[in-house]
């Protein structure tokens, strides 16, 4: 699949108006862009784990320090599984015998392991 810039898309749709009914898949992953009448002549609808004008910004519990459920560790978000893995920093561990919990994020549910706080 070949991706084109928003400007290229605008030019193509100007000269070939029959393209206006086709949705545009964003090269930034899960977003779908549709043409509009006003500049920049498109609008993107992002999934629950993306945001930004072009769905270019990750938006999940691992994206921001204040929402990192791992506390003292690296938070890794697995998009296709809606699951988080915590890689604890040196000196920190996850408590054994503590099960994962579920976190609501937008319209999705994310599986979150115990934090690195032991």
N, C-alpha and C. Protein backbone atom coordinates (compact mmCIF):
# COMPACT_ATOMS: atom_id res chain seq x y z
N UNK A 1 0.84 -1.17 0.00
CA UNK A 1 0.00 0.00 0.00
C UNK A 1 0.89 1.24 0.00
N UNK A 2 0.54 2.23 -0.78
CA UNK A 2 1.31 3.47 -0.84
C UNK A 2 0.55 4.56 -0.08
N UNK A 3 1.27 5.31 0.73
CA UNK A 3 0.66 6.41 1.47
C UNK A 3 1.02 7.73 0.81
N UNK A 4 0.10 8.66 0.89
CA UNK A 4 0.34 9.99 0.35
C UNK A 4 0.12 11.01 1.45
N UNK A 5 0.72 12.16 1.31
CA UNK A 5 0.56 13.22 2.31
C UNK A 5 -0.83 13.83 2.20
N UNK A 6 -1.20 14.58 3.22
CA UNK A 6 -2.50 15.24 3.20
C UNK A 6 -2.58 16.22 2.03
N UNK A 7 -1.49 16.92 1.75
CA UNK A 7 -1.48 17.87 0.63
C UNK A 7 -1.67 17.13 -0.69
N UNK A 8 -0.94 16.05 -0.88
CA UNK A 8 -1.09 15.27 -2.11
C UNK A 8 -2.51 14.76 -2.25
N UNK A 9 -3.09 14.34 -1.13
CA UNK A 9 -4.46 13.86 -1.15
C UNK A 9 -5.42 14.96 -1.58
N UNK A 10 -5.22 16.17 -1.06
CA UNK A 10 -6.08 17.31 -1.43
C UNK A 10 -6.00 17.60 -2.92
N UNK A 11 -4.79 17.59 -3.46
CA UNK A 11 -4.60 17.86 -4.88
C UNK A 11 -5.29 16.78 -5.72
N UNK A 12 -5.08 15.53 -5.36
CA UNK A 12 -5.71 14.44 -6.10
C UNK A 12 -7.23 14.57 -6.10
N UNK A 13 -7.79 14.87 -4.94
CA UNK A 13 -9.25 14.96 -4.85
C UNK A 13 -9.78 16.21 -5.56
N UNK A 14 -8.97 17.24 -5.68
CA UNK A 14 -9.40 18.43 -6.42
C UNK A 14 -9.53 18.09 -7.91
N UNK A 15 -8.52 17.42 -8.44
CA UNK A 15 -8.52 17.11 -9.87
C UNK A 15 -9.35 15.87 -10.21
N UNK A 16 -9.56 15.02 -9.23
CA UNK A 16 -10.33 13.79 -9.45
C UNK A 16 -11.42 13.69 -8.38
N UNK A 17 -12.48 14.50 -8.49
CA UNK A 17 -13.49 14.57 -7.43
C UNK A 17 -14.20 13.24 -7.16
N UNK A 18 -14.17 12.32 -8.10
CA UNK A 18 -14.82 11.03 -7.87
C UNK A 18 -14.13 10.25 -6.74
N UNK A 19 -12.94 10.67 -6.34
CA UNK A 19 -12.24 10.02 -5.23
C UNK A 19 -12.80 10.43 -3.87
N UNK A 20 -13.63 11.47 -3.84
CA UNK A 20 -14.09 12.03 -2.57
C UNK A 20 -14.89 11.07 -1.70
N UNK A 21 -15.48 10.07 -2.28
CA UNK A 21 -16.28 9.16 -1.48
C UNK A 21 -15.45 8.07 -0.82
N UNK A 22 -14.18 7.96 -1.17
CA UNK A 22 -13.33 6.90 -0.63
C UNK A 22 -12.69 7.33 0.69
N UNK A 23 -12.76 6.48 1.73
CA UNK A 23 -12.03 6.81 2.95
C UNK A 23 -10.54 6.64 2.72
N UNK A 24 -9.75 7.32 3.51
CA UNK A 24 -8.30 7.25 3.40
C UNK A 24 -7.80 6.56 4.66
N UNK A 25 -6.99 5.54 4.52
CA UNK A 25 -6.41 4.88 5.67
C UNK A 25 -5.16 5.65 6.08
N UNK A 26 -5.10 5.99 7.35
CA UNK A 26 -3.96 6.75 7.85
C UNK A 26 -2.70 5.89 7.88
N UNK A 27 -1.55 6.44 7.47
CA UNK A 27 -0.30 5.68 7.57
C UNK A 27 0.17 5.57 9.01
N UNK A 28 -0.55 6.18 9.94
CA UNK A 28 -0.12 6.20 11.33
C UNK A 28 -0.79 5.10 12.13
N UNK A 29 -1.28 4.06 11.49
CA UNK A 29 -1.78 2.86 12.15
C UNK A 29 -3.28 2.75 12.09
N UNK A 30 -3.97 2.90 13.23
CA UNK A 30 -5.37 2.52 13.33
C UNK A 30 -6.35 3.59 12.88
N UNK A 31 -5.90 4.78 12.59
CA UNK A 31 -6.82 5.84 12.22
C UNK A 31 -7.35 5.69 10.81
N UNK A 32 -8.56 6.19 10.61
CA UNK A 32 -9.15 6.25 9.28
C UNK A 32 -9.47 7.70 8.99
N UNK A 33 -9.05 8.20 7.85
CA UNK A 33 -9.26 9.60 7.50
C UNK A 33 -10.31 9.70 6.40
N UNK A 34 -11.14 10.72 6.51
CA UNK A 34 -12.19 10.95 5.51
C UNK A 34 -12.04 12.37 4.96
N UNK A 35 -12.42 12.58 3.72
CA UNK A 35 -12.30 13.92 3.13
C UNK A 35 -13.32 14.89 3.73
N UNK A 36 -12.94 16.17 3.77
CA UNK A 36 -13.85 17.23 4.23
C UNK A 36 -13.79 18.38 3.23
N UNK A 37 -14.69 19.32 3.38
CA UNK A 37 -14.76 20.47 2.48
C UNK A 37 -13.75 21.56 2.86
N UNK A 38 -13.33 21.57 4.13
CA UNK A 38 -12.43 22.63 4.62
C UNK A 38 -11.01 22.11 4.77
N UNK A 39 -10.06 23.06 4.74
CA UNK A 39 -8.65 22.71 4.92
C UNK A 39 -8.48 22.01 6.24
N UNK A 40 -7.70 21.04 6.37
CA UNK A 40 -6.77 20.48 5.40
C UNK A 40 -7.42 19.44 4.48
N UNK A 41 -8.72 19.48 4.35
CA UNK A 41 -9.51 18.64 3.43
C UNK A 41 -9.56 17.17 3.84
N UNK A 42 -9.31 16.90 5.10
CA UNK A 42 -9.51 15.56 5.63
C UNK A 42 -9.63 15.66 7.15
N UNK A 43 -10.20 14.63 7.74
CA UNK A 43 -10.35 14.51 9.19
C UNK A 43 -10.10 13.06 9.54
N UNK A 44 -9.30 12.82 10.55
CA UNK A 44 -8.98 11.45 10.93
C UNK A 44 -9.73 11.05 12.20
N UNK A 45 -10.24 9.85 12.18
CA UNK A 45 -10.89 9.26 13.35
C UNK A 45 -9.93 8.21 13.89
N UNK A 46 -9.44 8.45 15.10
CA UNK A 46 -8.43 7.58 15.68
C UNK A 46 -9.08 6.46 16.49
N UNK A 47 -8.36 5.37 16.65
CA UNK A 47 -8.80 4.32 17.56
C UNK A 47 -8.58 4.77 18.99
N UNK A 48 -8.92 3.92 19.95
CA UNK A 48 -8.77 4.28 21.36
C UNK A 48 -7.32 4.44 21.80
N UNK A 49 -6.39 3.92 21.04
CA UNK A 49 -4.99 3.96 21.47
C UNK A 49 -4.15 4.95 20.67
N UNK A 50 -4.81 5.84 19.93
CA UNK A 50 -4.11 6.87 19.16
C UNK A 50 -4.85 8.19 19.31
N UNK A 51 -4.12 9.29 19.12
CA UNK A 51 -4.74 10.61 19.11
C UNK A 51 -3.89 11.53 18.26
N UNK A 52 -4.34 12.74 18.08
CA UNK A 52 -3.63 13.70 17.25
C UNK A 52 -4.34 13.89 15.93
N UNK A 53 -3.98 14.95 15.24
CA UNK A 53 -4.62 15.29 13.97
C UNK A 53 -4.56 14.15 12.97
N UNK A 54 -3.44 13.44 12.94
CA UNK A 54 -3.25 12.33 12.00
C UNK A 54 -3.14 10.98 12.71
N UNK A 55 -3.65 10.90 13.93
CA UNK A 55 -3.56 9.66 14.73
C UNK A 55 -2.11 9.23 14.90
N UNK A 56 -1.23 10.21 15.07
CA UNK A 56 0.21 9.92 15.13
C UNK A 56 0.75 9.81 16.55
N UNK A 57 -0.08 10.08 17.55
CA UNK A 57 0.37 10.07 18.94
C UNK A 57 -0.21 8.86 19.65
N UNK A 58 0.66 8.04 20.23
CA UNK A 58 0.17 6.89 20.98
C UNK A 58 -0.59 7.37 22.21
N UNK A 59 -1.69 6.72 22.51
CA UNK A 59 -2.53 7.08 23.65
C UNK A 59 -2.93 5.78 24.35
N UNK A 60 -2.08 5.33 25.25
CA UNK A 60 -2.36 4.13 26.03
C UNK A 60 -1.78 4.33 27.42
N UNK A 61 -2.06 3.46 28.36
CA UNK A 61 -1.57 3.67 29.73
C UNK A 61 -0.05 3.82 29.83
N UNK A 62 0.70 3.30 28.87
CA UNK A 62 2.17 3.41 28.90
C UNK A 62 2.68 4.71 28.28
N UNK A 63 1.81 5.48 27.65
CA UNK A 63 2.24 6.66 26.89
C UNK A 63 2.68 7.83 27.76
N UNK A 64 2.17 7.91 28.97
CA UNK A 64 2.42 9.08 29.81
C UNK A 64 2.88 8.64 31.20
N UNK A 65 3.86 9.33 31.78
CA UNK A 65 4.36 8.94 33.11
C UNK A 65 3.25 8.88 34.16
N UNK A 66 2.29 9.80 34.09
CA UNK A 66 1.24 9.84 35.12
C UNK A 66 0.24 8.69 35.01
N UNK A 67 0.22 7.98 33.89
CA UNK A 67 -0.69 6.84 33.76
C UNK A 67 0.05 5.50 33.71
N UNK A 68 1.37 5.51 33.90
CA UNK A 68 2.17 4.28 33.85
C UNK A 68 1.80 3.39 35.04
N UNK A 69 1.16 2.26 34.79
CA UNK A 69 0.74 1.39 35.90
C UNK A 69 1.88 0.56 36.49
N UNK A 70 3.06 0.60 35.88
CA UNK A 70 4.18 -0.22 36.36
C UNK A 70 4.91 0.42 37.54
N UNK A 71 4.70 1.69 37.78
CA UNK A 71 5.35 2.47 38.83
C UNK A 71 6.86 2.53 38.67
N UNK A 72 7.58 1.52 39.12
CA UNK A 72 9.05 1.53 39.07
C UNK A 72 9.56 0.56 38.01
N UNK A 73 9.15 0.80 36.77
CA UNK A 73 9.57 -0.08 35.69
C UNK A 73 9.14 0.45 34.34
N UNK A 74 9.61 -0.21 33.30
CA UNK A 74 9.26 0.17 31.93
C UNK A 74 7.92 -0.48 31.58
N UNK A 75 7.04 0.33 31.07
CA UNK A 75 5.70 -0.11 30.68
C UNK A 75 5.71 -0.39 29.18
N UNK A 76 5.32 -1.60 28.80
CA UNK A 76 5.27 -1.98 27.38
C UNK A 76 3.83 -2.35 27.05
N UNK A 77 3.25 -1.63 26.10
CA UNK A 77 1.86 -1.87 25.71
C UNK A 77 1.82 -2.72 24.45
N UNK A 78 1.07 -3.81 24.48
CA UNK A 78 0.91 -4.69 23.33
C UNK A 78 -0.47 -4.41 22.74
N UNK A 79 -0.49 -3.65 21.65
CA UNK A 79 -1.73 -3.16 21.07
C UNK A 79 -2.71 -4.26 20.70
N UNK A 80 -2.27 -5.22 19.95
CA UNK A 80 -3.19 -6.25 19.44
C UNK A 80 -3.82 -7.09 20.55
N UNK A 81 -3.16 -7.15 21.70
CA UNK A 81 -3.67 -7.96 22.81
C UNK A 81 -4.32 -7.12 23.91
N UNK A 82 -4.23 -5.79 23.80
CA UNK A 82 -4.71 -4.89 24.86
C UNK A 82 -4.13 -5.32 26.21
N UNK A 83 -2.83 -5.47 26.22
CA UNK A 83 -2.15 -5.98 27.41
C UNK A 83 -0.88 -5.19 27.67
N UNK A 84 -0.55 -5.07 28.95
CA UNK A 84 0.67 -4.38 29.37
C UNK A 84 1.64 -5.38 29.98
N UNK A 85 2.91 -5.18 29.72
CA UNK A 85 3.98 -5.94 30.36
C UNK A 85 4.84 -4.92 31.12
N UNK A 86 5.16 -5.22 32.36
CA UNK A 86 6.04 -4.36 33.15
C UNK A 86 7.41 -5.01 33.28
N UNK A 87 8.46 -4.28 32.88
CA UNK A 87 9.84 -4.73 33.09
C UNK A 87 10.38 -3.88 34.24
N UNK A 88 10.49 -4.49 35.39
CA UNK A 88 10.85 -3.75 36.61
C UNK A 88 12.28 -3.22 36.57
N UNK A 89 12.45 -2.00 37.13
CA UNK A 89 13.78 -1.42 37.29
C UNK A 89 14.57 -2.26 38.29
N UNK A 90 15.90 -2.14 38.25
CA UNK A 90 16.75 -2.85 39.21
C UNK A 90 16.32 -2.53 40.63
N UNK A 91 16.19 -3.58 41.45
CA UNK A 91 15.80 -3.40 42.84
C UNK A 91 14.31 -3.46 43.08
N UNK A 92 13.52 -3.50 42.04
CA UNK A 92 12.06 -3.55 42.17
C UNK A 92 11.53 -4.85 41.57
N UNK A 93 10.47 -5.38 42.16
CA UNK A 93 9.85 -6.60 41.65
C UNK A 93 8.33 -6.47 41.70
N UNK A 94 7.70 -7.36 40.97
CA UNK A 94 6.25 -7.46 41.06
C UNK A 94 5.93 -8.46 42.17
N UNK A 95 4.89 -8.20 42.92
CA UNK A 95 4.51 -9.10 44.00
C UNK A 95 4.01 -10.42 43.40
N UNK A 96 4.54 -11.50 43.94
CA UNK A 96 4.05 -12.81 43.51
C UNK A 96 2.65 -13.02 44.08
N UNK A 97 1.91 -13.89 43.48
CA UNK A 97 0.55 -14.23 43.89
C UNK A 97 -0.43 -13.07 43.73
N UNK A 98 -0.03 -12.02 43.07
CA UNK A 98 -0.96 -10.92 42.79
C UNK A 98 -1.35 -11.03 41.32
N UNK A 99 -2.63 -11.07 41.06
CA UNK A 99 -3.09 -11.27 39.69
C UNK A 99 -3.19 -9.95 38.94
N UNK A 100 -3.32 -10.06 37.64
CA UNK A 100 -3.50 -8.88 36.79
C UNK A 100 -4.87 -8.27 37.06
N UNK A 101 -5.00 -7.02 36.73
CA UNK A 101 -6.29 -6.33 36.85
C UNK A 101 -6.68 -5.81 35.47
N UNK A 102 -7.90 -5.37 35.35
CA UNK A 102 -8.40 -4.84 34.08
C UNK A 102 -8.61 -3.33 34.24
N UNK A 103 -8.19 -2.58 33.24
CA UNK A 103 -8.28 -1.12 33.24
C UNK A 103 -9.11 -0.69 32.04
N UNK A 104 -10.10 0.16 32.26
CA UNK A 104 -10.86 0.72 31.14
C UNK A 104 -10.09 1.89 30.55
N UNK A 105 -9.88 1.85 29.23
CA UNK A 105 -9.15 2.91 28.52
C UNK A 105 -9.96 3.24 27.28
N UNK A 106 -10.65 4.38 27.30
CA UNK A 106 -11.57 4.70 26.21
C UNK A 106 -12.68 3.66 26.20
N UNK A 107 -12.92 3.06 25.06
CA UNK A 107 -13.93 2.01 24.95
C UNK A 107 -13.32 0.62 25.10
N UNK A 108 -12.02 0.56 25.34
CA UNK A 108 -11.31 -0.71 25.42
C UNK A 108 -11.00 -1.09 26.87
N UNK A 109 -10.74 -2.36 27.09
CA UNK A 109 -10.29 -2.86 28.38
C UNK A 109 -8.87 -3.39 28.21
N UNK A 110 -7.99 -2.99 29.12
CA UNK A 110 -6.57 -3.34 29.04
C UNK A 110 -6.20 -4.20 30.25
N UNK A 111 -5.49 -5.30 29.99
CA UNK A 111 -5.00 -6.15 31.07
C UNK A 111 -3.71 -5.55 31.63
N UNK A 112 -3.70 -5.33 32.95
CA UNK A 112 -2.56 -4.67 33.61
C UNK A 112 -1.97 -5.63 34.65
N UNK A 113 -0.66 -5.91 34.57
CA UNK A 113 -0.04 -6.79 35.56
C UNK A 113 0.17 -6.05 36.88
N UNK A 114 0.56 -6.77 37.94
CA UNK A 114 0.88 -6.08 39.19
C UNK A 114 2.01 -5.08 38.97
N UNK A 115 2.02 -3.96 39.70
CA UNK A 115 3.08 -2.96 39.52
C UNK A 115 4.41 -3.43 40.11
N UNK A 116 5.45 -2.75 39.72
CA UNK A 116 6.79 -3.01 40.27
C UNK A 116 6.92 -2.17 41.54
N UNK A 117 6.46 -2.71 42.66
CA UNK A 117 6.49 -1.94 43.91
C UNK A 117 6.98 -2.77 45.09
N UNK A 118 7.57 -3.92 44.78
CA UNK A 118 8.04 -4.79 45.86
C UNK A 118 9.54 -4.81 45.97
